[in-house]
């Protein structure tokens, strides 16, 4: 599996932390993180 560019990895990490900070519902958080991962899979 090919590594993602560093800028993309940083973006994904920051987005995940933003989702965790802002969301209140655990299910909704998990769903948003799954969507994020699927969007940027190779």
PDB file of N, CA and C in Angstrom:
ATOM      1  N   UNK A   1       0.843  -1.184   0.000  1.00  0.00           N
ATOM      2  CA  UNK A   1       0.000   0.000   0.000  1.00  0.00           C
ATOM      3  C   UNK A   1       0.886   1.244   0.000  1.00  0.00           C
ATOM      4  N   UNK A   2       0.547   2.167  -0.870  1.00  0.00           N
ATOM      5  CA  UNK A   2       1.348   3.382  -1.017  1.00  0.00           C
ATOM      6  C   UNK A   2       1.016   4.393   0.080  1.00  0.00           C
ATOM      7  N   UNK A   3       2.047   5.053   0.587  1.00  0.00           N
ATOM      8  CA  UNK A   3       1.865   6.082   1.606  1.00  0.00           C
ATOM      9  C   UNK A   3       1.217   7.325   1.008  1.00  0.00           C
ATOM     10  N   UNK A   4       0.380   7.954   1.792  1.00  0.00           N
ATOM     11  CA  UNK A   4      -0.241   9.206   1.352  1.00  0.00           C
ATOM     12  C   UNK A   4       0.777  10.340   1.543  1.00  0.00           C
ATOM     13  N   UNK A   5       0.638  11.403   0.768  1.00  0.00           N
ATOM     14  CA  UNK A   5       1.530  12.548   0.964  1.00  0.00           C
ATOM     15  C   UNK A   5       1.394  13.121   2.378  1.00  0.00           C
ATOM     16  N   UNK A   6       2.471  13.680   2.871  1.00  0.00           N
ATOM     17  CA  UNK A   6       2.489  14.200   4.242  1.00  0.00           C
ATOM     18  C   UNK A   6       1.407  15.259   4.465  1.00  0.00           C
ATOM     19  N   UNK A   7       1.190  16.123   3.489  1.00  0.00           N
ATOM     20  CA  UNK A   7       0.180  17.172   3.644  1.00  0.00           C
ATOM     21  C   UNK A   7      -1.217  16.577   3.800  1.00  0.00           C
ATOM     22  N   UNK A   8      -1.493  15.500   3.067  1.00  0.00           N
ATOM     23  CA  UNK A   8      -2.797  14.857   3.172  1.00  0.00           C
ATOM     24  C   UNK A   8      -2.953  14.162   4.514  1.00  0.00           C
ATOM     25  N   UNK A   9      -1.887  13.518   4.988  1.00  0.00           N
ATOM     26  CA  UNK A   9      -1.940  12.864   6.303  1.00  0.00           C
ATOM     27  C   UNK A   9      -2.190  13.885   7.398  1.00  0.00           C
ATOM     28  N   UNK A  10      -1.552  15.051   7.304  1.00  0.00           N
ATOM     29  CA  UNK A  10      -1.757  16.112   8.292  1.00  0.00           C
ATOM     30  C   UNK A  10      -3.199  16.610   8.257  1.00  0.00           C
ATOM     31  N   UNK A  11      -3.727  16.787   7.037  1.00  0.00           N
ATOM     32  CA  UNK A  11      -5.092  17.270   6.884  1.00  0.00           C
ATOM     33  C   UNK A  11      -6.076  16.291   7.511  1.00  0.00           C
ATOM     34  N   UNK A  12      -5.902  14.997   7.225  1.00  0.00           N
ATOM     35  CA  UNK A  12      -6.798  13.974   7.768  1.00  0.00           C
ATOM     36  C   UNK A  12      -6.727  13.963   9.289  1.00  0.00           C
ATOM     37  N   UNK A  13      -5.521  14.050   9.839  1.00  0.00           N
ATOM     38  CA  UNK A  13      -5.346  14.054  11.292  1.00  0.00           C
ATOM     39  C   UNK A  13      -6.055  15.250  11.923  1.00  0.00           C
ATOM     40  N   UNK A  14      -5.922  16.420  11.296  1.00  0.00           N
ATOM     41  CA  UNK A  14      -6.576  17.618  11.838  1.00  0.00           C
ATOM     42  C   UNK A  14      -8.095  17.534  11.721  1.00  0.00           C
ATOM     43  N   UNK A  15      -8.582  16.981  10.626  1.00  0.00           N
ATOM     44  CA  UNK A  15     -10.022  16.825  10.454  1.00  0.00           C
ATOM     45  C   UNK A  15     -10.596  15.863  11.492  1.00  0.00           C
ATOM     46  N   UNK A  16      -9.885  14.763  11.750  1.00  0.00           N
ATOM     47  CA  UNK A  16     -10.351  13.802  12.752  1.00  0.00           C
ATOM     48  C   UNK A  16     -10.416  14.457  14.124  1.00  0.00           C
ATOM     49  N   UNK A  17      -9.417  15.252  14.461  1.00  0.00           N
ATOM     50  CA  UNK A  17      -9.425  15.907  15.771  1.00  0.00           C
ATOM     51  C   UNK A  17     -10.555  16.942  15.846  1.00  0.00           C
ATOM     52  N   UNK A  18     -10.818  17.636  14.745  1.00  0.00           N
ATOM     53  CA  UNK A  18     -11.905  18.613  14.711  1.00  0.00           C
ATOM     54  C   UNK A  18     -13.247  17.913  14.924  1.00  0.00           C
ATOM     55  N   UNK A  19     -13.433  16.775  14.257  1.00  0.00           N
ATOM     56  CA  UNK A  19     -14.670  16.016  14.404  1.00  0.00           C
ATOM     57  C   UNK A  19     -14.834  15.565  15.850  1.00  0.00           C
ATOM     58  N   UNK A  20     -13.767  15.073  16.450  1.00  0.00           N
ATOM     59  CA  UNK A  20     -13.845  14.598  17.836  1.00  0.00           C
ATOM     60  C   UNK A  20     -14.161  15.732  18.801  1.00  0.00           C
ATOM     61  N   UNK A  21     -13.568  16.910  18.566  1.00  0.00           N
ATOM     62  CA  UNK A  21     -13.789  18.070  19.441  1.00  0.00           C
ATOM     63  C   UNK A  21     -15.221  18.587  19.345  1.00  0.00           C
ATOM     64  N   UNK A  22     -15.717  18.760  18.117  1.00  0.00           N
ATOM     65  CA  UNK A  22     -16.992  19.435  17.907  1.00  0.00           C
ATOM     66  C   UNK A  22     -18.205  18.541  18.145  1.00  0.00           C
ATOM     67  N   UNK A  23     -18.106  17.277  17.751  1.00  0.00           N
ATOM     68  CA  UNK A  23     -19.262  16.394  17.833  1.00  0.00           C
ATOM     69  C   UNK A  23     -19.605  16.030  19.261  1.00  0.00           C
ATOM     70  N   UNK A  24     -20.859  15.736  19.478  1.00  0.00           N
ATOM     71  CA  UNK A  24     -21.278  15.311  20.810  1.00  0.00           C
ATOM     72  C   UNK A  24     -21.773  13.867  20.775  1.00  0.00           C
ATOM     73  N   UNK A  25     -22.348  13.455  19.662  1.00  0.00           N
ATOM     74  CA  UNK A  25     -22.897  12.110  19.527  1.00  0.00           C
ATOM     75  C   UNK A  25     -21.808  11.154  19.029  1.00  0.00           C
ATOM     76  N   UNK A  26     -21.560  10.098  19.784  1.00  0.00           N
ATOM     77  CA  UNK A  26     -20.496   9.147  19.465  1.00  0.00           C
ATOM     78  C   UNK A  26     -20.716   8.479  18.106  1.00  0.00           C
ATOM     79  N   UNK A  27     -21.925   8.054  17.817  1.00  0.00           N
ATOM     80  CA  UNK A  27     -22.230   7.395  16.535  1.00  0.00           C
ATOM     81  C   UNK A  27     -21.954   8.340  15.370  1.00  0.00           C
ATOM     82  N   UNK A  28     -22.364   9.583  15.529  1.00  0.00           N
ATOM     83  CA  UNK A  28     -22.186  10.568  14.465  1.00  0.00           C
ATOM     84  C   UNK A  28     -20.696  10.803  14.211  1.00  0.00           C
ATOM     85  N   UNK A  29     -19.907  10.881  15.283  1.00  0.00           N
ATOM     86  CA  UNK A  29     -18.462  11.069  15.155  1.00  0.00           C
ATOM     87  C   UNK A  29     -17.842   9.931  14.371  1.00  0.00           C
ATOM     88  N   UNK A  30     -18.181   8.691  14.764  1.00  0.00           N
ATOM     89  CA  UNK A  30     -17.626   7.517  14.093  1.00  0.00           C
ATOM     90  C   UNK A  30     -17.983   7.523  12.612  1.00  0.00           C
ATOM     91  N   UNK A  31     -19.224   7.884  12.297  1.00  0.00           N
ATOM     92  CA  UNK A  31     -19.686   7.920  10.908  1.00  0.00           C
ATOM     93  C   UNK A  31     -18.908   8.960  10.103  1.00  0.00           C
ATOM     94  N   UNK A  32     -18.702  10.126  10.666  1.00  0.00           N
ATOM     95  CA  UNK A  32     -17.966  11.182   9.964  1.00  0.00           C
ATOM     96  C   UNK A  32     -16.517  10.776   9.721  1.00  0.00           C
ATOM     97  N   UNK A  33     -15.907  10.102  10.694  1.00  0.00           N
ATOM     98  CA  UNK A  33     -14.519   9.665  10.534  1.00  0.00           C
ATOM     99  C   UNK A  33     -14.432   8.583   9.456  1.00  0.00           C
ATOM    100  N   UNK A  34     -15.418   7.680   9.410  1.00  0.00           N
ATOM    101  CA  UNK A  34     -15.447   6.656   8.355  1.00  0.00           C
ATOM    102  C   UNK A  34     -15.544   7.302   6.982  1.00  0.00           C
ATOM    103  N   UNK A  35     -16.423   8.308   6.860  1.00  0.00           N
ATOM    104  CA  UNK A  35     -16.585   9.020   5.585  1.00  0.00           C
ATOM    105  C   UNK A  35     -15.271   9.676   5.178  1.00  0.00           C
ATOM    106  N   UNK A  36     -14.601  10.272   6.130  1.00  0.00           N
ATOM    107  CA  UNK A  36     -13.329  10.938   5.867  1.00  0.00           C
ATOM    108  C   UNK A  36     -12.300   9.940   5.342  1.00  0.00           C
ATOM    109  N   UNK A  37     -12.210   8.786   5.993  1.00  0.00           N
ATOM    110  CA  UNK A  37     -11.267   7.752   5.560  1.00  0.00           C
ATOM    111  C   UNK A  37     -11.588   7.265   4.158  1.00  0.00           C
ATOM    112  N   UNK A  38     -12.870   7.041   3.874  1.00  0.00           N
ATOM    113  CA  UNK A  38     -13.267   6.544   2.554  1.00  0.00           C
ATOM    114  C   UNK A  38     -12.964   7.583   1.471  1.00  0.00           C
ATOM    115  N   UNK A  39     -13.168   8.825   1.782  1.00  0.00           N
ATOM    116  CA  UNK A  39     -12.945   9.890   0.802  1.00  0.00           C
ATOM    117  C   UNK A  39     -11.486   9.938   0.349  1.00  0.00           C
ATOM    118  N   UNK A  40     -10.553   9.662   1.270  1.00  0.00           N
ATOM    119  CA  UNK A  40      -9.144   9.818   0.944  1.00  0.00           C
ATOM    120  C   UNK A  40      -8.387   8.497   0.831  1.00  0.00           C
ATOM    121  N   UNK A  41      -9.111   7.382   0.669  1.00  0.00           N
ATOM    122  CA  UNK A  41      -8.427   6.098   0.444  1.00  0.00           C
ATOM    123  C   UNK A  41      -7.850   6.088  -0.963  1.00  0.00           C
ATOM    124  N   UNK A  42      -6.758   5.337  -1.119  1.00  0.00           N
ATOM    125  CA  UNK A  42      -6.140   5.229  -2.450  1.00  0.00           C
ATOM    126  C   UNK A  42      -6.831   4.202  -3.277  1.00  0.00           C
TER     127      UNK A  42
END
